N, C-alpha and C. Protein backbone atom coordinates (compact mmCIF):
# COMPACT_ATOMS: atom_id res chain seq x y z
N MET A 1 140.66 32.07 93.53
CA MET A 1 139.85 33.03 93.08
C MET A 1 140.94 34.14 92.20
N GLY A 2 140.52 34.25 91.23
CA GLY A 2 141.29 35.17 89.89
C GLY A 2 141.22 36.59 90.38
N THR A 3 142.00 37.50 89.47
CA THR A 3 142.12 38.90 89.62
C THR A 3 141.77 39.23 88.26
N LYS A 4 141.50 40.66 88.44
CA LYS A 4 141.45 41.68 87.24
C LYS A 4 141.67 43.05 87.59
N SER A 5 142.19 43.43 86.12
CA SER A 5 142.56 44.85 86.28
C SER A 5 141.47 45.79 85.74
N VAL A 6 141.16 46.80 86.58
CA VAL A 6 140.31 48.06 85.94
C VAL A 6 140.86 49.31 86.07
N ARG A 7 140.39 49.97 85.09
CA ARG A 7 140.74 51.38 85.43
C ARG A 7 139.38 52.21 86.04
N LEU A 8 140.29 53.15 86.80
CA LEU A 8 139.30 53.88 87.77
C LEU A 8 139.88 55.04 87.51
N ASP A 9 139.01 56.16 87.23
CA ASP A 9 139.13 57.61 87.22
C ASP A 9 139.74 57.87 88.45
N GLU A 10 140.56 59.17 88.79
CA GLU A 10 141.26 59.79 89.48
C GLU A 10 140.21 59.87 90.95
N GLU A 11 139.09 60.53 90.44
CA GLU A 11 138.17 60.94 91.51
C GLU A 11 137.58 59.74 91.90
N VAL A 12 137.24 58.83 91.31
CA VAL A 12 136.84 57.40 91.84
C VAL A 12 137.65 56.59 92.72
N TYR A 13 138.91 57.03 92.46
CA TYR A 13 140.06 56.31 93.15
C TYR A 13 140.00 56.88 94.29
N GLU A 14 140.11 58.30 94.53
CA GLU A 14 140.26 58.92 95.75
C GLU A 14 138.82 58.62 96.43
N ARG A 15 138.09 58.52 96.11
CA ARG A 15 136.63 58.39 96.72
C ARG A 15 136.75 57.14 97.57
N ILE A 16 137.15 56.17 96.67
CA ILE A 16 137.56 54.86 97.63
C ILE A 16 138.76 54.62 98.47
N ALA A 17 139.64 55.43 98.10
CA ALA A 17 140.98 55.86 99.22
C ALA A 17 140.64 56.45 100.26
N ALA A 18 139.36 57.26 100.35
CA ALA A 18 139.13 57.92 101.28
C ALA A 18 138.44 57.21 102.42
N HIS A 19 137.61 55.99 101.71
CA HIS A 19 136.96 55.08 102.36
C HIS A 19 137.54 53.62 102.98
N LYS A 20 138.36 53.75 102.57
CA LYS A 20 139.20 52.53 102.84
C LYS A 20 139.45 52.74 104.20
N ARG A 21 139.98 51.74 104.74
CA ARG A 21 139.98 51.11 105.78
C ARG A 21 141.73 50.77 106.22
N ASP A 22 142.31 51.00 107.23
CA ASP A 22 143.86 51.14 106.91
C ASP A 22 144.25 49.33 106.63
N ASP A 23 143.42 48.79 107.23
CA ASP A 23 143.90 47.23 107.35
C ASP A 23 143.13 46.10 106.18
N GLU A 24 142.40 47.05 105.15
CA GLU A 24 141.63 46.14 104.13
C GLU A 24 142.57 46.82 102.73
N THR A 25 142.62 45.92 101.67
CA THR A 25 142.80 46.18 100.40
C THR A 25 142.13 46.77 99.66
N PHE A 26 142.16 47.28 98.67
CA PHE A 26 141.19 48.41 97.65
C PHE A 26 140.34 47.19 97.63
N SER A 27 140.27 45.90 97.27
CA SER A 27 139.43 44.94 96.77
C SER A 27 138.56 44.83 97.81
N GLU A 28 139.05 44.70 99.02
CA GLU A 28 138.01 44.56 100.19
C GLU A 28 137.22 45.90 100.32
N ALA A 29 137.48 47.18 100.24
CA ALA A 29 136.84 48.35 100.42
C ALA A 29 135.77 48.36 99.46
N ILE A 30 136.18 48.00 98.05
CA ILE A 30 135.13 48.02 97.24
C ILE A 30 134.08 46.88 97.30
N ASP A 31 134.25 45.81 97.81
CA ASP A 31 133.56 45.01 98.40
C ASP A 31 132.66 45.50 99.34
N ARG A 32 133.10 45.93 100.31
CA ARG A 32 132.56 46.52 101.48
C ARG A 32 131.68 47.47 101.08
N LEU A 33 132.19 48.50 100.46
CA LEU A 33 131.48 49.64 99.73
C LEU A 33 130.19 49.42 99.01
N THR A 34 130.02 48.10 98.58
CA THR A 34 129.07 47.87 97.26
C THR A 34 128.30 46.52 97.62
N SER A 35 128.59 46.23 98.76
CA SER A 35 127.82 45.14 98.98
C SER A 35 126.47 45.52 99.23
N ASP A 36 125.44 44.66 99.42
CA ASP A 36 123.95 44.46 99.51
C ASP A 36 123.50 44.61 100.85
N TYR A 37 124.45 44.48 102.01
CA TYR A 37 123.97 44.42 103.26
C TYR A 37 123.72 45.81 103.67
N SER A 38 122.99 45.94 104.45
CA SER A 38 122.35 47.62 104.77
C SER A 38 121.87 47.41 106.27
N LEU A 39 121.73 48.40 107.29
CA LEU A 39 121.25 48.34 108.44
C LEU A 39 120.12 48.04 108.43
N LEU A 40 118.97 48.39 107.14
CA LEU A 40 117.88 48.33 107.43
C LEU A 40 117.43 46.38 107.15
N ALA A 41 118.38 45.83 106.63
CA ALA A 41 118.50 44.35 106.49
C ALA A 41 118.67 43.65 107.69
N PHE A 42 119.47 44.50 108.83
CA PHE A 42 119.95 44.01 109.97
C PHE A 42 118.72 44.23 110.64
N ALA A 43 118.22 45.11 110.69
CA ALA A 43 116.78 46.17 111.68
C ALA A 43 115.57 44.80 111.44
N GLY A 44 115.59 44.36 110.23
CA GLY A 44 114.57 43.21 109.99
C GLY A 44 114.24 42.33 110.90
N ASP A 45 115.48 41.88 111.36
CA ASP A 45 115.76 40.85 112.38
C ASP A 45 115.25 41.21 113.59
N ALA A 46 115.06 42.53 113.84
CA ALA A 46 114.89 42.70 115.23
C ALA A 46 113.44 42.85 115.57
N SER A 47 112.90 42.26 116.86
CA SER A 47 111.69 41.85 117.49
C SER A 47 111.07 43.34 117.77
N ALA A 48 110.08 43.74 117.89
CA ALA A 48 109.15 44.97 118.07
C ALA A 48 109.57 45.78 119.37
N ALA A 49 109.88 44.35 120.35
CA ALA A 49 110.36 45.01 121.47
C ALA A 49 112.01 45.65 121.65
N GLU A 50 112.82 44.99 120.67
CA GLU A 50 114.31 45.36 120.42
C GLU A 50 113.84 46.65 119.76
N ALA A 51 113.04 46.55 119.11
CA ALA A 51 113.01 48.35 118.10
C ALA A 51 112.74 48.94 119.04
N ASP A 52 111.50 48.79 119.99
CA ASP A 52 110.89 50.22 120.86
C ASP A 52 112.52 50.53 121.68
N GLN A 53 113.10 49.49 122.05
CA GLN A 53 114.11 49.81 122.91
C GLN A 53 115.05 50.75 122.52
N HIS A 54 115.37 50.40 121.13
CA HIS A 54 116.42 51.01 120.14
C HIS A 54 115.68 52.40 120.12
N ARG A 55 114.44 52.62 119.66
CA ARG A 55 114.07 53.71 119.64
C ARG A 55 113.93 54.77 120.79
N ASP A 56 113.73 54.32 122.07
CA ASP A 56 113.74 54.94 123.38
C ASP A 56 115.11 55.32 123.55
N LEU A 57 116.24 54.31 123.18
CA LEU A 57 117.42 54.90 123.57
C LEU A 57 117.88 55.97 122.47
N LEU A 58 117.55 55.92 121.50
CA LEU A 58 117.81 57.40 120.86
C LEU A 58 117.09 58.39 121.00
N ALA A 59 116.02 58.14 121.43
CA ALA A 59 115.23 59.55 122.05
C ALA A 59 115.71 60.14 123.17
N GLU A 60 116.16 59.13 124.10
CA GLU A 60 116.72 59.70 125.19
C GLU A 60 118.38 60.45 125.08
N ALA A 61 119.47 59.46 123.85
CA ALA A 61 120.48 60.27 123.59
C ALA A 61 120.22 61.49 122.92
N ASN A 62 119.22 61.68 121.93
CA ASN A 62 118.69 62.88 121.15
C ASN A 62 118.34 64.21 122.60
N ALA A 63 117.39 63.76 123.31
CA ALA A 63 117.27 64.59 124.38
C ALA A 63 118.18 65.13 125.01
N THR A 64 119.13 64.23 125.68
CA THR A 64 120.63 64.50 126.30
C THR A 64 121.63 65.50 125.38
N ALA A 65 121.55 65.19 124.18
CA ALA A 65 122.28 65.96 123.20
C ALA A 65 121.61 67.47 123.03
N ARG A 66 120.04 67.31 123.06
CA ARG A 66 120.05 69.22 122.76
C ARG A 66 119.97 69.59 123.98
N GLU A 67 119.61 69.36 125.30
CA GLU A 67 120.16 69.66 126.82
C GLU A 67 121.41 70.14 126.62
N ASP A 68 122.56 69.23 126.18
CA ASP A 68 124.16 69.61 126.36
C ASP A 68 124.25 70.90 125.46
N ARG A 69 123.83 70.77 123.85
CA ARG A 69 123.77 71.74 123.26
C ARG A 69 123.23 73.14 123.89
N ARG A 70 121.89 73.13 124.30
CA ARG A 70 121.58 74.11 124.82
C ARG A 70 122.19 74.98 125.99
N GLU A 71 122.68 74.32 126.92
CA GLU A 71 123.58 74.73 128.07
C GLU A 71 125.17 74.99 127.29
N ARG A 72 125.36 74.81 126.37
CA ARG A 72 126.74 75.42 125.70
C ARG A 72 126.48 76.45 125.35
N LEU A 73 125.16 76.63 124.52
CA LEU A 73 124.89 77.77 124.02
C LEU A 73 124.60 78.95 125.02
N GLN A 74 124.09 78.66 125.92
CA GLN A 74 124.14 79.31 127.07
C GLN A 74 125.18 79.82 127.54
N ARG A 75 126.10 79.07 127.66
CA ARG A 75 127.40 79.53 128.15
C ARG A 75 127.98 80.44 127.20
N LEU A 76 127.89 80.39 126.02
CA LEU A 76 128.41 81.52 125.28
C LEU A 76 127.86 82.83 125.06
N GLY A 77 126.13 82.74 125.92
CA GLY A 77 125.62 83.90 125.96
C GLY A 77 124.65 83.78 124.90
N VAL A 78 124.26 82.83 124.08
CA VAL A 78 123.44 82.54 123.07
C VAL A 78 122.08 82.44 123.42
N ASP A 79 121.20 83.28 123.00
CA ASP A 79 119.68 82.97 123.61
C ASP A 79 119.22 81.87 123.17
N THR A 80 118.77 80.86 123.69
CA THR A 80 118.08 79.53 122.94
C THR A 80 116.94 79.29 123.24
N GLU A 81 115.97 80.73 123.53
CA GLU A 81 114.20 80.35 123.90
C GLU A 81 114.06 80.93 122.27
């Protein structure tokens, strides 16, 4: 596979550098950041039962987070009602 040189504005370079993982090259980072893969594509392979299970887990996690936040605010003396 060959290589190409491209010019990037400094702002674009900094945005890529901010998203680049320590173990990847800039080429790998750009490939990952511009790939067509998305979580929606992954979700398309889930069965209805799996989707329901994930939805239930997310709802439970959200409820727990809300309760934790409410308790922390109450400890700080903030009215949460």
